[in-house]
Amino acid sequence: MEPTINVSFEIDSNGILNVTAQDTGTGQQSKITVTNDEGRLSDEQIGKMIKDAEAFKGEDLEHKRKVDARIALEKYAYNMRNTIRSSKIAPKLALANKRAIDDATMQAISWVEDNLLPDPAEAEAKLHELRGICEPIIAKIYQESR
């Protein structure tokens, strides 16, 4: 007669594996506990990471503001550049207006390339300046096409 062995596995909330094996014929039982402490962070390491994250939260937010401001300016500049080159808008633009927008967008793109993490207020001022050049020209084209 072949032995029959029942094996059960349990993992607790700490990731510790408990294995129990019981021979049903003899009733003999054996248990083993498997822990994987290798590669895990200690409570001290976790605490330090949390403390560091809290300490750098302000810097992270400031970095995000700078990146967001740069992206807003860059996105608007590229959108305007693509707009004036589109087949729907380009034929309707006077050469002087096309040059004005093209020059302004190229200056903005160049500024962004030179200022990867700009002061948000400065980037917003550049965006406001660019919009001041582009929006009246584009709005006029849309009004005339109605």
Foldseek 3Di string as FASTA:
>chain_A
DDWDKDWDWDADPQRKIKIKIATPVVRDIDIDIDDDPPPDDDPVRVVVVVVVCVVCVVVVVLQVLQQVLLCVLLVVLVVLLVQCVDPVNVVVADPVLNVQSPVLSVVSNVVCVVCVRDRSVVSVVSSVVSCVSRVVRVVVSVVVVD
